[in-house]
Amino acid sequence: MENTRKTIYLSGPIMDECEGVAREWRETAKLLLGRQFRLLDPMRRKFVDRQVDSANEIVEFDLQDVRDADILLVNYSKPSIGTSMEVFHAAHNLGKFVVAYSPFEYCDCSPWMARYCTKILPSLEAAAEYINTHFSE
């Protein structure tokens, strides 16, 4: 069954995020989606931000996860360069489906995020429900 499940990459702010916040929403996503989907969590790796010897590895591992995913689930709760780069690469270069959740009204979203996120919903729960409805086997 593992090979038939779609894979979701959990994209969202990590660098400069408050302690535990980057991990907390991902753990909730795992509870909401983990039975139906294979989830790729970048927090599973033990890198330290701003260390020169790990910067290239961080980016390359994250890009590999984006390539391996069928869908991106994006926490768009605040501007994040890395998250934006992952969204652009996934949607524009790879043609992936990108589902985001955000507290921002549409008029307050970055035009880049509005353009390259296939769907932006108001909460993680709404995004998980959308994914379960449209992508469950």
Protein backbone atom coordinates (compact mmCIF):
# COMPACT_ATOMS: atom_id res chain seq x y z
CA MET A 1 0.00 0.00 0.00
CA GLU A 2 2.89 2.38 0.77
CA ASN A 3 3.83 2.67 -2.92
CA THR A 4 0.31 3.63 -4.03
CA ARG A 5 -0.18 6.46 -1.55
CA LYS A 6 0.45 9.98 -2.81
CA THR A 7 3.31 11.86 -1.17
CA ILE A 8 2.91 15.29 0.44
CA TYR A 9 5.80 17.61 1.26
CA LEU A 10 5.19 19.81 4.32
CA SER A 11 6.49 23.22 3.26
CA GLY A 12 6.59 26.19 5.60
CA PRO A 13 8.80 28.53 7.61
CA ILE A 14 11.59 26.97 9.65
CA MET A 15 14.38 29.54 9.81
CA ASP A 16 13.74 32.21 12.47
CA GLU A 17 10.53 30.45 13.50
CA CYS A 18 9.64 30.49 17.20
CA GLU A 19 10.67 27.36 19.09
CA GLY A 20 8.37 24.49 18.30
CA VAL A 21 6.10 26.33 15.84
CA ALA A 22 7.74 24.83 12.74
CA ARG A 23 7.32 21.37 14.22
CA GLU A 24 3.85 21.82 15.77
CA TRP A 25 1.81 22.37 12.60
CA ARG A 26 3.64 19.54 10.86
CA GLU A 27 2.73 17.15 13.69
CA THR A 28 -0.92 18.19 13.33
CA ALA A 29 -0.71 17.66 9.56
CA LYS A 30 0.60 14.15 10.20
CA LEU A 31 -2.43 13.41 12.38
CA LEU A 32 -4.82 14.78 9.73
CA LEU A 33 -3.19 13.22 6.66
CA GLY A 34 -0.80 10.49 7.74
CA ARG A 35 -3.18 7.56 7.31
CA GLN A 36 -3.95 8.31 3.65
CA PHE A 37 -0.68 9.86 2.47
CA ARG A 38 3.08 9.52 2.79
CA LEU A 39 4.38 12.75 4.36
CA LEU A 40 7.82 14.29 3.86
CA ASP A 41 8.74 16.48 6.81
CA PRO A 42 11.92 18.56 6.42
CA MET A 43 12.18 18.72 10.23
CA ARG A 44 13.25 15.06 10.22
CA ARG A 45 16.76 16.23 9.34
CA LYS A 46 19.01 17.69 12.02
CA PHE A 47 20.54 20.75 10.38
CA VAL A 48 21.34 24.09 12.00
CA ASP A 49 20.37 27.26 10.13
CA ARG A 50 23.11 29.65 9.07
CA GLN A 51 25.92 27.11 9.17
CA VAL A 52 27.84 27.36 5.91
CA ASP A 53 28.65 23.69 5.81
CA SER A 54 24.96 22.71 5.96
CA ALA A 55 23.29 25.45 3.85
CA ASN A 56 23.70 23.67 0.52
CA GLU A 57 22.60 20.39 2.06
CA ILE A 58 19.46 21.97 3.55
CA VAL A 59 18.42 23.39 0.18
CA GLU A 60 19.28 20.25 -1.79
CA PHE A 61 17.46 17.90 0.59
CA ASP A 62 14.40 20.17 0.56
CA LEU A 63 14.43 20.35 -3.24
CA GLN A 64 14.69 16.55 -3.39
CA ASP A 65 11.62 16.29 -1.16
CA VAL A 66 9.77 18.71 -3.48
CA ARG A 67 10.73 16.55 -6.47
CA ASP A 68 9.62 13.38 -4.66
CA ALA A 69 6.24 14.82 -3.61
CA ASP A 70 3.00 14.66 -5.54
CA ILE A 71 1.49 17.57 -3.59
CA LEU A 72 2.85 20.40 -1.44
CA LEU A 73 1.01 21.38 1.73
CA VAL A 74 2.17 24.90 2.56
CA ASN A 75 1.98 26.83 5.80
CA TYR A 76 1.75 30.41 4.48
CA SER A 77 1.40 32.07 7.87
CA LYS A 78 4.22 34.54 7.26
CA PRO A 79 6.62 35.46 4.46
CA SER A 80 9.41 32.91 4.05
CA ILE A 81 12.02 32.94 1.31
CA GLY A 82 12.58 29.18 1.45
CA THR A 83 8.87 28.39 1.40
CA SER A 84 8.32 30.76 -1.53
CA MET A 85 11.18 29.17 -3.45
CA GLU A 86 9.77 25.68 -2.83
CA VAL A 87 6.30 26.77 -3.98
CA PHE A 88 7.63 28.39 -7.15
CA HIS A 89 9.84 25.43 -8.01
CA ALA A 90 7.06 22.91 -7.36
CA ALA A 91 4.35 24.74 -9.30
CA HIS A 92 6.24 26.48 -12.08
CA ASN A 93 9.08 24.08 -12.80
CA LEU A 94 7.55 20.74 -11.85
CA GLY A 95 3.81 21.29 -12.34
CA LYS A 96 2.93 20.11 -8.83
CA PHE A 97 -0.35 20.78 -7.05
CA VAL A 98 0.24 23.25 -4.18
CA VAL A 99 -2.31 23.56 -1.36
CA ALA A 100 -1.63 26.32 1.14
CA TYR A 101 -3.32 27.54 4.27
CA SER A 102 -3.01 31.11 5.43
CA PRO A 103 -4.54 33.63 7.82
CA PHE A 104 -4.15 36.29 5.10
CA GLU A 105 -7.08 37.59 3.07
CA TYR A 106 -6.52 37.17 -0.65
CA CYS A 107 -5.80 40.90 -1.06
CA ASP A 108 -3.01 40.61 1.53
CA CYS A 109 -1.31 37.61 -0.07
CA SER A 110 1.86 38.04 -2.05
CA PRO A 111 0.94 37.99 -5.75
CA TRP A 112 3.63 35.32 -6.16
CA MET A 113 2.05 33.04 -3.56
CA ALA A 114 -1.44 33.71 -4.94
CA ARG A 115 -0.21 32.84 -8.43
CA TYR A 116 1.76 29.68 -7.61
CA CYS A 117 -0.37 28.13 -4.87
CA THR A 118 -3.08 26.15 -6.61
CA LYS A 119 -5.43 26.67 -3.66
CA ILE A 120 -5.17 28.82 -0.52
CA LEU A 121 -7.48 27.93 2.37
CA PRO A 122 -7.99 29.61 5.77
CA SER A 123 -6.75 26.81 8.05
CA LEU A 124 -4.66 23.66 8.21
CA GLU A 125 -7.82 21.66 8.86
CA ALA A 126 -9.51 23.08 5.74
CA ALA A 127 -6.39 22.34 3.66
CA ALA A 128 -6.24 18.76 4.98
CA GLU A 129 -9.93 18.27 4.23
CA TYR A 130 -9.40 19.59 0.69
CA ILE A 131 -6.48 17.21 0.14
CA ASN A 132 -8.38 14.26 1.59
CA THR A 133 -11.41 15.03 -0.60
CA HIS A 134 -9.51 15.44 -3.85
CA PHE A 135 -6.46 13.17 -3.54
CA SER A 136 -7.32 10.16 -1.36
CA GLU A 137 -7.13 6.81 -3.13
